[in-house]
Amino acid sequence: FVFSCSPWWEVTCLKCPTFPLLLPVFLTGSDRIPIYGMSSLRIIIQSTTSGEQYLPVAHTCYNLLDLPKYSSKEILSARLVQAIDHYEGFSLA
């Protein structure tokens, strides 16, 4: 699973070793690999005008990530890890 936005990918991976496993679940709402493999998964990352205090938002039906414009990689990393840590998914438990 490779992202074209390598600067923030690298920073986030350093702080959270399980990040590469959790990001697809956060973005898609599923812990399953797509039937045609990970190469068939298209993730759209769009910038939003919300402030730095807001977390990234995943729209799982569209594989879309709303990413606020953060002023540093450290803030980006912290907010993204925080969003993934508090992700609850569609569990019925």
Protein backbone atom coordinates (compact mmCIF):
# COMPACT_ATOMS: atom_id res chain seq x y z
CA PHE A 1 0.00 0.00 0.00
CA VAL A 2 1.81 3.12 -1.22
CA PHE A 3 0.83 6.76 -1.00
CA SER A 4 1.99 9.48 -3.33
CA CYS A 5 2.08 11.95 -0.42
CA SER A 6 5.30 10.53 0.96
CA PRO A 7 6.33 13.42 3.28
CA TRP A 8 3.35 13.03 5.62
CA TRP A 9 3.35 9.27 5.15
CA GLU A 10 6.93 9.04 6.43
CA VAL A 11 6.31 11.27 9.46
CA THR A 12 3.19 9.40 10.51
CA CYS A 13 4.76 5.96 10.10
CA LEU A 14 7.56 6.94 12.46
CA LYS A 15 5.15 7.77 15.28
CA CYS A 16 2.77 4.85 14.83
CA PRO A 17 4.26 1.54 13.64
CA THR A 18 0.81 0.02 13.00
CA PHE A 19 -0.26 3.00 10.89
CA PRO A 20 0.08 1.23 7.49
CA LEU A 21 -2.32 -1.45 8.73
CA LEU A 22 -4.86 0.93 10.25
CA LEU A 23 -5.03 3.58 7.53
CA PRO A 24 -6.90 1.44 4.96
CA VAL A 25 -9.44 0.47 7.64
CA PHE A 26 -9.91 4.14 8.57
CA LEU A 27 -10.32 5.22 4.94
CA THR A 28 -12.53 2.39 3.69
CA GLY A 29 -14.40 1.22 6.79
CA SER A 30 -13.33 -2.36 6.06
CA ASP A 31 -10.53 -4.57 7.30
CA ARG A 32 -10.78 -6.70 4.16
CA ILE A 33 -8.58 -6.43 1.09
CA PRO A 34 -10.58 -5.43 -2.01
CA ILE A 35 -11.51 -8.36 -4.26
CA TYR A 36 -9.16 -7.06 -6.99
CA GLY A 37 -6.32 -6.39 -4.55
CA MET A 38 -4.89 -3.26 -2.95
CA SER A 39 -3.84 -1.89 -6.35
CA SER A 40 -7.54 -1.47 -7.20
CA LEU A 41 -8.11 0.77 -4.17
CA ARG A 42 -8.26 4.44 -5.13
CA ILE A 43 -7.96 6.89 -2.24
CA ILE A 44 -8.76 10.56 -2.79
CA ILE A 45 -7.16 13.10 -0.46
CA GLN A 46 -8.69 16.55 -0.56
CA SER A 47 -7.66 19.64 1.29
CA THR A 48 -10.21 21.40 3.47
CA THR A 49 -10.31 24.92 4.86
CA SER A 50 -10.94 23.81 8.45
CA GLY A 51 -8.45 24.88 11.08
CA GLU A 52 -5.56 22.97 12.59
CA GLN A 53 -7.63 21.96 15.62
CA TYR A 54 -9.79 19.69 13.43
CA LEU A 55 -9.06 16.05 12.72
CA PRO A 56 -8.98 14.48 9.27
CA VAL A 57 -12.32 13.00 8.22
CA ALA A 58 -12.73 9.79 6.20
CA HIS A 59 -15.76 9.35 3.96
CA THR A 60 -15.63 5.56 3.76
CA CYS A 61 -18.24 5.12 1.02
CA TYR A 62 -16.12 7.18 -1.36
CA ASN A 63 -12.60 6.36 -0.07
CA LEU A 64 -12.19 10.09 0.44
CA LEU A 65 -10.04 11.76 3.10
CA ASP A 66 -10.74 15.38 4.05
CA LEU A 67 -7.42 16.70 5.27
CA PRO A 68 -7.19 20.18 6.84
CA LYS A 69 -4.18 22.31 5.93
CA TYR A 70 -1.77 21.80 8.81
CA SER A 71 1.23 24.08 9.30
CA SER A 72 3.69 21.30 10.06
CA LYS A 73 4.27 17.59 9.55
CA GLU A 74 4.21 17.09 13.31
CA ILE A 75 0.69 18.52 13.63
CA LEU A 76 -0.45 16.49 10.63
CA SER A 77 1.01 13.35 12.14
CA ALA A 78 -0.56 13.94 15.55
CA ARG A 79 -4.03 14.69 14.14
CA LEU A 80 -4.02 11.74 11.76
CA VAL A 81 -2.88 9.29 14.44
CA GLN A 82 -5.49 10.75 16.83
CA ALA A 83 -8.26 10.31 14.23
CA ILE A 84 -7.24 6.71 13.56
CA ASP A 85 -6.90 5.91 17.29
CA HIS A 86 -10.47 7.08 17.91
CA TYR A 87 -11.95 5.38 14.86
CA GLU A 88 -14.85 3.10 15.76
CA GLY A 89 -15.99 1.81 12.37
CA PHE A 90 -19.27 0.05 11.80
CA SER A 91 -18.99 -2.51 14.56
CA LEU A 92 -22.27 -3.89 15.83
CA ALA A 93 -20.78 -5.11 19.10
